[in-house]
Structures are given as structure tokens and as C-alpha cells.
């Protein structure tokens, strides 16, 4: 009985630590931006540290930062983000903005990774009793793995796929690269940049 309890404890710990993560919408339009810089009539406001759980771990592992930005065009002409205005670090190094599709593929969860739960399928739950001779005998065997394995695998695959879909949709909705920002207009975006640090950013008018 003790061995059975230990096995269940291990399974429970592994299951909870390996569960799929939900995706919490970032919604750049609702963010309280604390970092801001104006240059050549264009104001940039931005925020790092947007992702949570598995997405955040992927971000740290892959050396990519997802950044929410708010760009206000205070010039007298329309500007295209990525052509007329470009993103730079404060040391004037231009930043290469990753394609949204690349950001998604790099940071998304992998639904197939939860198939390992199927290894729990053969698990049985045994109950024991001590007979009149003081020997433990198996009194019952329940194939809980038939439900546990496929249930955990299927549930986590569905949850991770749903979270990925929300992530991809938000990236597409806030794809600012190549977008025209009219004079006096403000646009919001989500961009992925290749960096391990949280360096200060600025925009340059080309």
C-alpha cells in the first residue's frame, strides 16, 4: 500500500508541474506603460515582461523578448513603422524585429509533448488485505491508467492548443510592422526582438 501511495504522489506532482499553461491576453491598448521616449516627433511607450508560465520560460530559453509598444505620431506626415520609423536600443543599435510567425512558432507550447502521459495507461490501482496467515494478498485491481493516461494527454493537448490559438490571434491582431501611422494617430503593437536583456528602446525617424 505504501508503494502505491508513493507512485500516486509522484504521478500527482509530475502531472501538476507539467500541465499546459493558459494564455492570458496581453491587450496592449489596456497596458499602463511606464517606459517612454520621444524622438523626432514620434513618441514610443513600451513594456517588457508580458508572458507567463510556459510562454515565459520559452521566451527566456530562446533569448526572445515580446514587447508591447504604443507609438504616437506627432509629426506632420504619415509614417510607416519599419520603413519611416525604426526601432533602436539607446546605443543606436538598430533592432531586428522578428516576424510574428517566427515569434509564434518559437514561443508556442507543443501539444504533442503531452503524449508522454499515455505512458500512465498501464497503471493499475491495487488494494491489499492481510490474510489469516499474516500475508498480504491482492483483493482488487482497478485499471485507472486507462482513464488517467488518455485523460491527462487529451486534456493538456486541448488546453495547450487553445492557449496557442489565443496567442497567435493576438500576435496577428497587434502586428504593427509595415503599418502606417497617420499624423496625430496612435497605434499599438506586439513585437518580438532577439535579446536577453530588458534594454531601453527608442524610435528613429528615417
N, C-alpha and C. Protein backbone atom coordinates (compact mmCIF):
# COMPACT_ATOMS: atom_id res chain seq x y z
N UNK A 1 0.81 -1.21 0.00
CA UNK A 1 0.00 0.00 0.00
C UNK A 1 0.85 1.27 0.00
N UNK A 2 1.97 1.22 0.73
CA UNK A 2 2.86 2.37 0.78
C UNK A 2 3.44 2.68 -0.58
N UNK A 3 3.82 1.61 -1.32
CA UNK A 3 4.38 1.79 -2.65
C UNK A 3 3.36 2.45 -3.57
N UNK A 4 2.10 2.02 -3.46
CA UNK A 4 1.03 2.59 -4.28
C UNK A 4 0.87 4.07 -4.00
N UNK A 5 0.90 4.44 -2.73
CA UNK A 5 0.76 5.85 -2.35
C UNK A 5 1.92 6.69 -2.90
N UNK A 6 3.11 6.12 -2.84
CA UNK A 6 4.30 6.83 -3.35
C UNK A 6 4.16 7.06 -4.85
N UNK A 7 3.72 6.01 -5.57
CA UNK A 7 3.54 6.13 -7.02
C UNK A 7 2.53 7.22 -7.35
N UNK A 8 1.42 7.23 -6.62
CA UNK A 8 0.39 8.24 -6.88
C UNK A 8 0.89 9.64 -6.55
N UNK A 9 1.69 9.75 -5.52
CA UNK A 9 2.24 11.05 -5.15
C UNK A 9 3.16 11.57 -6.26
N UNK A 10 4.00 10.69 -6.78
CA UNK A 10 4.91 11.07 -7.87
C UNK A 10 4.13 11.48 -9.11
N UNK A 11 3.12 10.68 -9.45
CA UNK A 11 2.29 10.98 -10.62
C UNK A 11 1.60 12.33 -10.46
N UNK A 12 1.09 12.59 -9.25
CA UNK A 12 0.38 13.86 -8.99
C UNK A 12 1.32 15.05 -9.14
N UNK A 13 2.52 14.93 -8.57
CA UNK A 13 3.49 16.04 -8.63
C UNK A 13 3.90 16.32 -10.07
N UNK A 14 4.22 15.26 -10.80
CA UNK A 14 4.63 15.41 -12.20
C UNK A 14 3.51 15.99 -13.04
N UNK A 15 2.28 15.54 -12.79
CA UNK A 15 1.14 16.00 -13.56
C UNK A 15 0.89 17.49 -13.37
N UNK A 16 0.90 17.94 -12.11
CA UNK A 16 0.64 19.35 -11.84
C UNK A 16 1.76 20.25 -12.36
N UNK A 17 3.01 19.78 -12.32
CA UNK A 17 4.13 20.61 -12.76
C UNK A 17 4.27 20.63 -14.27
N UNK A 18 3.64 19.67 -14.95
CA UNK A 18 3.79 19.57 -16.40
C UNK A 18 2.53 19.94 -17.16
N UNK A 19 1.55 20.49 -16.48
CA UNK A 19 0.28 20.82 -17.14
C UNK A 19 0.45 21.96 -18.13
N UNK A 20 -0.42 21.96 -19.12
CA UNK A 20 -0.42 23.04 -20.11
C UNK A 20 -0.74 24.37 -19.44
N UNK A 21 -0.20 25.44 -19.99
CA UNK A 21 -0.42 26.78 -19.45
C UNK A 21 -1.53 27.49 -20.22
N UNK A 22 -2.33 28.24 -19.52
CA UNK A 22 -3.31 29.10 -20.18
C UNK A 22 -2.59 30.32 -20.73
N UNK A 23 -3.18 30.94 -21.74
CA UNK A 23 -2.61 32.18 -22.27
C UNK A 23 -3.47 33.35 -21.83
N UNK A 24 -2.86 34.23 -21.06
CA UNK A 24 -3.58 35.41 -20.60
C UNK A 24 -3.38 36.53 -21.62
N UNK A 25 -4.48 37.04 -22.15
CA UNK A 25 -4.39 38.09 -23.16
C UNK A 25 -3.62 39.30 -22.64
N UNK A 26 -2.76 39.85 -23.50
CA UNK A 26 -1.92 40.99 -23.12
C UNK A 26 -2.67 42.30 -23.28
N UNK A 27 -3.40 42.43 -24.38
CA UNK A 27 -4.20 43.62 -24.68
C UNK A 27 -3.39 44.92 -24.54
N UNK A 28 -2.49 45.18 -25.48
CA UNK A 28 -1.63 46.37 -25.43
C UNK A 28 -2.37 47.69 -25.22
N UNK A 29 -3.60 47.78 -25.67
CA UNK A 29 -4.35 49.04 -25.51
C UNK A 29 -4.72 49.33 -24.06
N UNK A 30 -4.68 48.31 -23.22
CA UNK A 30 -5.09 48.49 -21.82
C UNK A 30 -3.89 48.57 -20.86
N UNK A 31 -2.69 48.44 -21.38
CA UNK A 31 -1.49 48.42 -20.54
C UNK A 31 -1.16 49.81 -20.00
N UNK A 32 -0.70 49.86 -18.76
CA UNK A 32 -0.20 51.10 -18.18
C UNK A 32 1.30 51.16 -18.46
N UNK A 33 1.68 51.86 -19.52
CA UNK A 33 3.08 51.93 -19.93
C UNK A 33 3.87 52.84 -19.00
N UNK A 34 5.01 52.36 -18.54
CA UNK A 34 5.84 53.15 -17.63
C UNK A 34 7.15 53.59 -18.29
N UNK A 35 7.50 52.98 -19.41
CA UNK A 35 8.71 53.36 -20.13
C UNK A 35 8.31 54.12 -21.39
N UNK A 36 8.88 55.32 -21.56
CA UNK A 36 8.51 56.15 -22.72
C UNK A 36 9.70 57.00 -23.16
N UNK A 37 9.73 57.31 -24.46
CA UNK A 37 10.79 58.15 -25.01
C UNK A 37 10.29 58.78 -26.30
N UNK A 38 10.50 60.10 -26.44
CA UNK A 38 10.12 60.81 -27.65
C UNK A 38 11.36 61.18 -28.45
N UNK A 39 11.23 61.08 -29.77
CA UNK A 39 12.37 61.39 -30.63
C UNK A 39 11.86 61.79 -32.01
N UNK A 40 12.30 62.94 -32.50
CA UNK A 40 11.93 63.42 -33.84
C UNK A 40 10.42 63.50 -34.05
N UNK A 41 9.69 63.80 -32.99
CA UNK A 41 8.25 63.96 -33.13
C UNK A 41 7.46 62.67 -33.02
N UNK A 42 8.14 61.59 -32.69
CA UNK A 42 7.45 60.31 -32.52
C UNK A 42 7.66 59.82 -31.09
N UNK A 43 6.58 59.47 -30.42
CA UNK A 43 6.68 59.00 -29.04
C UNK A 43 6.50 57.49 -28.97
N UNK A 44 7.43 56.85 -28.28
CA UNK A 44 7.37 55.40 -28.08
C UNK A 44 7.14 55.11 -26.60
N UNK A 45 6.15 54.30 -26.32
CA UNK A 45 5.92 53.76 -24.98
C UNK A 45 5.96 52.24 -25.10
N UNK A 46 6.57 51.58 -24.13
CA UNK A 46 6.74 50.13 -24.29
C UNK A 46 6.76 49.41 -22.95
N UNK A 47 6.58 48.10 -23.02
CA UNK A 47 6.59 47.27 -21.80
C UNK A 47 7.07 45.86 -22.13
N UNK A 48 8.06 45.42 -21.35
CA UNK A 48 8.54 44.04 -21.41
C UNK A 48 7.74 43.19 -20.41
N UNK A 49 8.19 41.96 -20.20
CA UNK A 49 7.65 41.05 -19.18
C UNK A 49 6.14 40.87 -19.31
N UNK A 50 5.73 40.36 -20.46
CA UNK A 50 4.31 40.22 -20.75
C UNK A 50 3.79 38.80 -20.60
N UNK A 51 4.66 37.82 -20.80
CA UNK A 51 4.23 36.43 -20.83
C UNK A 51 4.32 35.76 -19.48
N UNK A 52 3.60 34.66 -19.34
CA UNK A 52 3.57 33.92 -18.07
C UNK A 52 3.81 32.43 -18.31
N UNK A 53 4.23 31.75 -17.26
CA UNK A 53 4.37 30.29 -17.21
C UNK A 53 5.20 29.75 -18.36
N UNK A 54 4.65 28.78 -19.12
CA UNK A 54 5.44 28.10 -20.14
C UNK A 54 5.89 29.06 -21.24
N UNK A 55 5.06 30.04 -21.58
CA UNK A 55 5.44 31.02 -22.60
C UNK A 55 6.63 31.85 -22.13
N UNK A 56 6.62 32.21 -20.87
CA UNK A 56 7.72 33.00 -20.30
C UNK A 56 9.01 32.17 -20.29
N UNK A 57 8.90 30.89 -19.94
CA UNK A 57 10.07 30.03 -19.92
C UNK A 57 10.67 29.88 -21.30
N UNK A 58 9.81 29.76 -22.31
CA UNK A 58 10.28 29.66 -23.69
C UNK A 58 10.98 30.96 -24.11
N UNK A 59 10.40 32.07 -23.70
CA UNK A 59 10.96 33.38 -24.01
C UNK A 59 12.37 33.50 -23.45
N UNK A 60 12.56 33.09 -22.20
CA UNK A 60 13.87 33.16 -21.56
C UNK A 60 14.85 32.18 -22.19
N UNK A 61 14.39 30.98 -22.51
CA UNK A 61 15.25 29.94 -23.07
C UNK A 61 15.72 30.30 -24.48
N UNK A 62 14.84 30.91 -25.28
CA UNK A 62 15.16 31.20 -26.68
C UNK A 62 15.80 32.56 -26.88
N UNK A 63 15.91 33.37 -25.82
CA UNK A 63 16.53 34.69 -25.96
C UNK A 63 15.71 35.65 -26.78
N UNK A 64 14.39 35.55 -26.63
CA UNK A 64 13.47 36.45 -27.33
C UNK A 64 12.65 37.22 -26.31
N UNK A 65 12.42 38.47 -26.57
CA UNK A 65 11.56 39.27 -25.70
C UNK A 65 10.35 39.74 -26.50
N UNK A 66 9.18 39.47 -25.96
CA UNK A 66 7.96 40.01 -26.55
C UNK A 66 7.70 41.36 -25.89
N UNK A 67 7.51 42.38 -26.71
CA UNK A 67 7.36 43.74 -26.20
C UNK A 67 6.05 44.35 -26.71
N UNK A 68 5.31 44.94 -25.80
CA UNK A 68 4.11 45.70 -26.19
C UNK A 68 4.54 47.14 -26.42
N UNK A 69 4.12 47.72 -27.52
CA UNK A 69 4.51 49.11 -27.81
C UNK A 69 3.29 49.97 -28.15
N UNK A 70 3.46 51.24 -27.83
CA UNK A 70 2.44 52.25 -28.17
C UNK A 70 3.18 53.38 -28.88
N UNK A 71 2.83 53.63 -30.12
CA UNK A 71 3.54 54.62 -30.94
C UNK A 71 2.59 55.75 -31.30
N UNK A 72 2.99 56.97 -30.96
CA UNK A 72 2.18 58.15 -31.27
C UNK A 72 2.93 59.03 -32.26
N UNK A 73 2.30 59.31 -33.38
CA UNK A 73 2.91 60.12 -34.45
C UNK A 73 2.53 61.58 -34.26
N UNK A 74 3.47 62.37 -33.76
CA UNK A 74 3.24 63.80 -33.54
C UNK A 74 3.87 64.65 -34.64
N UNK A 75 4.26 64.01 -35.75
CA UNK A 75 4.84 64.75 -36.87
C UNK A 75 3.72 65.27 -37.77
N UNK A 76 4.11 65.90 -38.86
CA UNK A 76 3.14 66.46 -39.79
C UNK A 76 2.94 65.57 -41.02
N UNK A 77 3.38 64.32 -40.95
CA UNK A 77 3.19 63.41 -42.08
C UNK A 77 2.91 61.99 -41.59
N UNK A 78 2.35 61.20 -42.47
CA UNK A 78 2.09 59.80 -42.15
C UNK A 78 3.40 59.02 -42.17
N UNK A 79 3.53 58.05 -41.26
CA UNK A 79 4.76 57.28 -41.15
C UNK A 79 4.46 55.79 -41.14
N UNK A 80 5.32 55.03 -41.80
CA UNK A 80 5.17 53.57 -41.78
C UNK A 80 6.16 52.98 -40.80
N UNK A 81 5.66 52.17 -39.88
CA UNK A 81 6.53 51.54 -38.90
C UNK A 81 7.38 50.47 -39.59
N UNK A 82 8.70 50.60 -39.42
CA UNK A 82 9.61 49.67 -40.06
C UNK A 82 10.28 50.26 -41.28
N UNK A 83 9.69 51.33 -41.85
CA UNK A 83 10.30 52.00 -43.01
C UNK A 83 10.67 53.44 -42.65
N UNK A 84 9.67 54.21 -42.24
CA UNK A 84 9.93 55.62 -41.89
C UNK A 84 10.39 55.78 -40.44
N UNK A 85 9.94 54.89 -39.59
CA UNK A 85 10.40 54.89 -38.20
C UNK A 85 10.90 53.48 -37.86
N UNK A 86 12.09 53.43 -37.25
CA UNK A 86 12.71 52.14 -36.92
C UNK A 86 13.04 52.09 -35.44
N UNK A 87 13.08 50.87 -34.93
CA UNK A 87 13.31 50.65 -33.50
C UNK A 87 14.80 50.44 -33.23
N UNK A 88 15.30 51.09 -32.17
CA UNK A 88 16.72 51.00 -31.81
C UNK A 88 16.87 50.87 -30.30
N UNK A 89 18.03 50.33 -29.89
CA UNK A 89 18.43 50.43 -28.49
C UNK A 89 19.00 51.82 -28.27
N UNK A 90 19.18 52.22 -27.03
CA UNK A 90 19.68 53.57 -26.74
C UNK A 90 21.08 53.82 -27.28
N UNK A 91 21.86 52.75 -27.50
CA UNK A 91 23.21 52.93 -28.05
C UNK A 91 23.19 53.07 -29.56
N UNK A 92 21.98 53.26 -30.11
CA UNK A 92 21.75 53.47 -31.54
C UNK A 92 21.84 52.20 -32.39
N UNK A 93 21.98 51.04 -31.75
CA UNK A 93 21.96 49.78 -32.49
C UNK A 93 20.54 49.49 -32.95
N UNK A 94 20.37 49.32 -34.26
CA UNK A 94 19.03 49.04 -34.77
C UNK A 94 18.61 47.64 -34.37
N UNK A 95 17.35 47.50 -34.05
CA UNK A 95 16.81 46.22 -33.59
C UNK A 95 16.13 45.50 -34.74
N UNK A 96 16.47 44.23 -34.90
CA UNK A 96 15.82 43.41 -35.91
C UNK A 96 14.54 42.85 -35.30
N UNK A 97 13.41 43.25 -35.86
CA UNK A 97 12.12 42.78 -35.36
C UNK A 97 11.77 41.47 -36.04
N UNK A 98 11.49 40.46 -35.24
CA UNK A 98 11.18 39.14 -35.78
C UNK A 98 9.78 39.11 -36.40
N UNK A 99 9.64 38.28 -37.42
CA UNK A 99 8.31 38.07 -38.00
C UNK A 99 7.40 37.47 -36.93
N UNK A 100 6.16 37.90 -36.92
CA UNK A 100 5.22 37.39 -35.91
C UNK A 100 5.07 35.88 -35.97
N UNK A 101 5.14 35.33 -37.17
CA UNK A 101 5.00 33.89 -37.33
C UNK A 101 6.18 33.17 -36.68
N UNK A 102 7.37 33.76 -36.78
CA UNK A 102 8.55 33.18 -36.14
C UNK A 102 8.45 33.26 -34.62
N UNK A 103 7.93 34.38 -34.12
CA UNK A 103 7.74 34.55 -32.68
C UNK A 103 6.77 33.49 -32.17
N UNK A 104 5.69 33.30 -32.91
CA UNK A 104 4.69 32.30 -32.51
C UNK A 104 5.28 30.89 -32.49
N UNK A 105 5.95 30.51 -33.56
CA UNK A 105 6.50 29.16 -33.66
C UNK A 105 7.56 28.90 -32.60
N UNK A 106 8.30 29.95 -32.22
CA UNK A 106 9.37 29.79 -31.23
C UNK A 106 8.84 29.70 -29.80
N UNK A 107 7.78 30.45 -29.50
CA UNK A 107 7.30 30.55 -28.12
C UNK A 107 6.06 29.72 -27.79
N UNK A 108 5.42 29.15 -28.80
CA UNK A 108 4.19 28.40 -28.54
C UNK A 108 4.47 27.12 -27.75
N UNK A 109 3.43 26.60 -27.11
CA UNK A 109 3.51 25.32 -26.44
C UNK A 109 3.42 24.20 -27.48
N UNK A 110 3.97 23.05 -27.15
CA UNK A 110 3.92 21.91 -28.04
C UNK A 110 2.89 20.90 -27.53
N UNK A 111 1.70 20.83 -28.16
CA UNK A 111 0.68 19.89 -27.70
C UNK A 111 1.17 18.44 -27.70
N UNK A 112 2.00 18.08 -28.68
CA UNK A 112 2.48 16.70 -28.79
C UNK A 112 3.33 16.29 -27.59
N UNK A 113 3.90 17.28 -26.89
CA UNK A 113 4.78 16.96 -25.75
C UNK A 113 4.00 16.32 -24.60
N UNK A 114 2.67 16.45 -24.62
CA UNK A 114 1.86 15.88 -23.54
C UNK A 114 1.46 14.44 -23.81
N UNK A 115 1.88 13.89 -24.94
CA UNK A 115 1.57 12.49 -25.25
C UNK A 115 2.26 11.53 -24.28
N UNK A 116 3.30 12.02 -23.58
CA UNK A 116 4.01 11.13 -22.65
C UNK A 116 3.08 10.65 -21.53
N UNK A 117 1.99 11.38 -21.31
CA UNK A 117 1.03 10.95 -20.29
C UNK A 117 0.43 9.58 -20.62
N UNK A 118 0.48 9.22 -21.90
CA UNK A 118 -0.05 7.91 -22.29
C UNK A 118 0.75 6.77 -21.67
N UNK A 119 1.96 7.09 -21.20
CA UNK A 119 2.77 6.06 -20.53
C UNK A 119 2.12 5.62 -19.22
N UNK A 120 1.17 6.42 -18.74
CA UNK A 120 0.47 6.06 -17.49
C UNK A 120 -0.68 5.08 -17.74
N UNK A 121 -0.97 4.81 -19.01
CA UNK A 121 -2.10 3.94 -19.35
C UNK A 121 -2.07 2.57 -18.65
N UNK A 122 -0.90 1.90 -18.53
CA UNK A 122 -0.88 0.57 -17.90
C UNK A 122 -1.02 0.58 -16.37
N UNK A 123 -1.05 1.78 -15.77
CA UNK A 123 -1.07 1.85 -14.31
C UNK A 123 -2.36 1.26 -13.74
N UNK A 124 -2.20 0.40 -12.75
CA UNK A 124 -3.35 -0.19 -12.04
C UNK A 124 -3.30 0.21 -10.57
N UNK A 125 -4.47 0.31 -9.97
CA UNK A 125 -4.56 0.59 -8.54
C UNK A 125 -4.93 -0.71 -7.83
N UNK A 126 -4.07 -1.11 -6.91
CA UNK A 126 -4.28 -2.38 -6.20
C UNK A 126 -4.66 -2.13 -4.75
N UNK A 127 -5.54 -2.95 -4.24
CA UNK A 127 -5.85 -2.93 -2.81
C UNK A 127 -5.45 -4.28 -2.23
N UNK A 128 -4.98 -4.21 -0.97
CA UNK A 128 -4.46 -5.43 -0.33
C UNK A 128 -5.14 -5.66 1.01
N UNK A 129 -5.14 -6.91 1.40
CA UNK A 129 -5.60 -7.30 2.74
C UNK A 129 -4.67 -8.37 3.27
N UNK A 130 -4.54 -8.39 4.58
CA UNK A 130 -3.70 -9.42 5.22
C UNK A 130 -4.57 -10.61 5.58
N UNK A 131 -4.17 -11.79 5.07
CA UNK A 131 -4.97 -12.98 5.35
C UNK A 131 -4.69 -13.52 6.76
N UNK A 132 -5.30 -14.61 7.08
CA UNK A 132 -5.16 -15.18 8.43
C UNK A 132 -3.76 -15.65 8.75
N UNK A 133 -2.92 -15.78 7.75
CA UNK A 133 -1.55 -16.21 7.97
C UNK A 133 -0.56 -15.03 8.03
N UNK A 134 -1.11 -13.80 8.00
CA UNK A 134 -0.26 -12.63 8.08
C UNK A 134 0.38 -12.25 6.76
N UNK A 135 -0.12 -12.78 5.66
CA UNK A 135 0.43 -12.50 4.33
C UNK A 135 -0.51 -11.56 3.59
N UNK A 136 0.08 -10.51 2.96
CA UNK A 136 -0.75 -9.57 2.20
C UNK A 136 -1.16 -10.19 0.87
N UNK A 137 -2.42 -10.07 0.55
CA UNK A 137 -2.93 -10.58 -0.71
C UNK A 137 -3.66 -9.47 -1.46
N UNK A 138 -3.55 -9.50 -2.78
CA UNK A 138 -4.26 -8.53 -3.60
C UNK A 138 -5.73 -8.87 -3.63
N UNK A 139 -6.57 -7.89 -3.27
CA UNK A 139 -8.01 -8.14 -3.24
C UNK A 139 -8.73 -7.51 -4.42
N UNK A 140 -8.10 -6.49 -5.01
CA UNK A 140 -8.77 -5.81 -6.13
C UNK A 140 -7.74 -5.09 -6.98
N UNK A 141 -8.02 -4.99 -8.28
CA UNK A 141 -7.15 -4.28 -9.21
C UNK A 141 -8.01 -3.42 -10.13
N UNK A 142 -7.75 -2.10 -10.12
CA UNK A 142 -8.53 -1.17 -10.94
C UNK A 142 -7.60 -0.53 -11.97
N UNK A 143 -7.87 -0.68 -13.26
CA UNK A 143 -7.00 -0.11 -14.33
C UNK A 143 -7.21 1.40 -14.50
N UNK A 144 -6.81 2.16 -13.48
CA UNK A 144 -7.04 3.61 -13.53
C UNK A 144 -6.27 4.29 -14.65
N UNK A 145 -5.19 3.65 -15.10
CA UNK A 145 -4.38 4.24 -16.17
C UNK A 145 -5.13 4.40 -17.47
N UNK A 146 -6.15 3.57 -17.69
CA UNK A 146 -6.93 3.65 -18.92
C UNK A 146 -7.68 4.98 -19.03
N UNK A 147 -7.96 5.57 -17.87
CA UNK A 147 -8.61 6.88 -17.84
C UNK A 147 -7.57 7.98 -17.61
N UNK A 148 -6.65 7.72 -16.68
CA UNK A 148 -5.65 8.71 -16.29
C UNK A 148 -4.76 9.11 -17.46
N UNK A 149 -4.17 8.12 -18.16
CA UNK A 149 -3.24 8.42 -19.26
C UNK A 149 -3.87 9.21 -20.39
N UNK A 150 -4.89 8.65 -21.07
CA UNK A 150 -5.53 9.37 -22.17
C UNK A 150 -6.20 10.67 -21.72
N UNK A 151 -6.73 10.67 -20.48
CA UNK A 151 -7.40 11.87 -19.98
C UNK A 151 -6.43 13.04 -19.82
N UNK A 152 -5.29 12.77 -19.18
CA UNK A 152 -4.29 13.83 -18.99
C UNK A 152 -3.69 14.26 -20.32
N UNK A 153 -3.40 13.29 -21.19
CA UNK A 153 -2.82 13.61 -22.50
C UNK A 153 -3.78 14.46 -23.33
N UNK A 154 -5.02 13.99 -23.44
CA UNK A 154 -6.01 14.71 -24.24
C UNK A 154 -6.34 16.07 -23.68
N UNK A 155 -6.53 16.14 -22.36
CA UNK A 155 -6.88 17.41 -21.72
C UNK A 155 -5.81 18.47 -21.90
N UNK A 156 -4.56 18.07 -21.71
CA UNK A 156 -3.46 19.03 -21.84
C UNK A 156 -3.22 19.44 -23.29
N UNK A 157 -3.43 18.50 -24.22
CA UNK A 157 -3.27 18.84 -25.64
C UNK A 157 -4.32 19.84 -26.08
N UNK A 158 -5.55 19.65 -25.62
CA UNK A 158 -6.63 20.58 -25.95
C UNK A 158 -6.36 21.96 -25.33
N UNK A 159 -5.93 21.97 -24.05
CA UNK A 159 -5.68 23.23 -23.35
C UNK A 159 -4.54 24.01 -23.99
N UNK A 160 -3.45 23.31 -24.35
CA UNK A 160 -2.30 23.99 -24.95
C UNK A 160 -2.63 24.51 -26.35
N UNK A 161 -3.41 23.74 -27.11
CA UNK A 161 -3.82 24.18 -28.45
C UNK A 161 -4.70 25.42 -28.38
N UNK A 162 -5.60 25.44 -27.39
CA UNK A 162 -6.48 26.60 -27.21
C UNK A 162 -5.67 27.84 -26.82
N UNK A 163 -4.69 27.65 -25.92
CA UNK A 163 -3.84 28.77 -25.49
C UNK A 163 -3.01 29.28 -26.66
N UNK A 164 -2.48 28.37 -27.46
CA UNK A 164 -1.68 28.77 -28.63
C UNK A 164 -2.51 29.57 -29.62
N UNK A 165 -3.75 29.16 -29.79
CA UNK A 165 -4.63 29.85 -30.73
C UNK A 165 -4.85 31.30 -30.29
N UNK A 166 -5.06 31.51 -29.00
CA UNK A 166 -5.24 32.87 -28.47
C UNK A 166 -3.96 33.69 -28.66
N UNK A 167 -2.82 33.05 -28.40
CA UNK A 167 -1.52 33.71 -28.56
C UNK A 167 -1.32 34.16 -30.00
N UNK A 168 -1.56 33.25 -30.94
CA UNK A 168 -1.37 33.55 -32.36
C UNK A 168 -2.31 34.65 -32.83
N UNK A 169 -3.56 34.59 -32.38
CA UNK A 169 -4.55 35.59 -32.78
C UNK A 169 -4.16 36.98 -32.29
N UNK A 170 -3.66 37.06 -31.05
CA UNK A 170 -3.28 38.37 -30.52
C UNK A 170 -2.05 38.92 -31.23
N UNK A 171 -1.12 38.05 -31.58
CA UNK A 171 0.05 38.50 -32.35
C UNK A 171 -0.38 39.08 -33.70
N UNK A 172 -1.34 38.43 -34.35
CA UNK A 172 -1.83 38.90 -35.64
C UNK A 172 -2.60 40.21 -35.49
N UNK A 173 -3.42 40.29 -34.45
CA UNK A 173 -4.22 41.50 -34.23
C UNK A 173 -3.35 42.72 -33.96
N UNK A 174 -2.20 42.51 -33.34
CA UNK A 174 -1.34 43.64 -32.99
C UNK A 174 -0.02 43.62 -33.77
N UNK A 175 -0.11 43.17 -35.01
CA UNK A 175 1.06 43.20 -35.90
C UNK A 175 1.23 44.62 -36.43
N UNK A 176 2.19 45.34 -35.90
CA UNK A 176 2.36 46.75 -36.25
C UNK A 176 3.38 46.98 -37.36
N UNK A 177 4.21 45.97 -37.61
CA UNK A 177 5.27 46.14 -38.61
C UNK A 177 4.65 46.35 -40.00
N UNK A 178 5.08 47.40 -40.68
CA UNK A 178 4.54 47.71 -42.00
C UNK A 178 3.23 48.48 -41.95
N UNK A 179 2.82 48.85 -40.75
CA UNK A 179 1.56 49.59 -40.57
C UNK A 179 1.80 51.09 -40.69
N UNK A 180 0.92 51.78 -41.37
CA UNK A 180 1.01 53.24 -41.50
C UNK A 180 0.34 53.91 -40.30
N UNK A 181 1.09 54.81 -39.68
CA UNK A 181 0.57 55.57 -38.54
C UNK A 181 0.37 57.01 -39.02
N UNK A 182 -0.87 57.41 -39.13
CA UNK A 182 -1.17 58.73 -39.66
C UNK A 182 -0.78 59.82 -38.66
N UNK A 183 -0.57 61.02 -39.17
CA UNK A 183 -0.18 62.13 -38.28
C UNK A 183 -1.25 62.34 -37.22
N UNK A 184 -0.78 62.44 -35.97
CA UNK A 184 -1.69 62.62 -34.84
C UNK A 184 -2.30 61.32 -34.34
N UNK A 185 -1.95 60.20 -34.98
CA UNK A 185 -2.56 58.92 -34.63
C UNK A 185 -1.66 58.12 -33.68
N UNK A 186 -2.28 57.23 -32.90
CA UNK A 186 -1.57 56.32 -32.01
C UNK A 186 -1.88 54.89 -32.40
N UNK A 187 -0.85 54.06 -32.47
CA UNK A 187 -1.03 52.64 -32.81
C UNK A 187 -0.37 51.78 -31.73
N UNK A 188 -0.94 50.59 -31.54
CA UNK A 188 -0.42 49.64 -30.56
C UNK A 188 0.07 48.40 -31.27
N UNK A 189 1.10 47.77 -30.69
CA UNK A 189 1.62 46.57 -31.33
C UNK A 189 2.28 45.61 -30.36
N UNK A 190 2.49 44.38 -30.83
CA UNK A 190 3.26 43.37 -30.12
C UNK A 190 4.40 42.97 -31.05
N UNK A 191 5.63 43.09 -30.56
CA UNK A 191 6.77 42.75 -31.40
C UNK A 191 7.71 41.81 -30.65
N UNK A 192 8.37 40.97 -31.39
CA UNK A 192 9.37 40.08 -30.81
C UNK A 192 10.75 40.53 -31.24
N UNK A 193 11.66 40.68 -30.28
CA UNK A 193 13.02 41.09 -30.60
C UNK A 193 14.01 40.09 -29.99
N UNK A 194 15.15 39.95 -30.65
CA UNK A 194 16.16 38.99 -30.22
C UNK A 194 17.07 39.67 -29.20
N UNK A 195 16.85 39.40 -27.92
CA UNK A 195 17.68 39.96 -26.86
C UNK A 195 17.46 39.18 -25.57
N UNK A 196 18.47 39.16 -24.72
CA UNK A 196 18.35 38.52 -23.41
C UNK A 196 18.10 39.53 -22.31
N UNK A 197 18.24 40.81 -22.65
CA UNK A 197 18.14 41.87 -21.63
C UNK A 197 16.86 42.68 -21.80
N UNK A 198 16.63 43.56 -20.81
CA UNK A 198 15.48 44.46 -20.87
C UNK A 198 15.98 45.88 -21.13
N UNK A 199 16.70 46.03 -22.22
CA UNK A 199 17.32 47.32 -22.54
C UNK A 199 16.31 48.37 -22.95
N UNK A 200 16.67 49.62 -22.71
CA UNK A 200 15.80 50.74 -23.09
C UNK A 200 15.73 50.83 -24.61
N UNK A 201 14.55 51.26 -25.09
CA UNK A 201 14.31 51.34 -26.53
C UNK A 201 13.99 52.77 -26.96
N UNK A 202 14.17 53.04 -28.22
CA UNK A 202 13.76 54.33 -28.79
C UNK A 202 13.43 54.14 -30.26
N UNK A 203 12.74 55.13 -30.84
CA UNK A 203 12.43 55.11 -32.26
C UNK A 203 13.25 56.18 -32.96
N UNK A 204 13.57 55.89 -34.22
CA UNK A 204 14.28 56.85 -35.06
C UNK A 204 13.47 57.15 -36.30
N UNK A 205 13.42 58.42 -36.64
CA UNK A 205 12.73 58.83 -37.86
C UNK A 205 13.72 58.79 -39.02
N UNK A 206 13.42 57.99 -40.01
CA UNK A 206 14.33 57.84 -41.16
C UNK A 206 14.10 58.93 -42.19
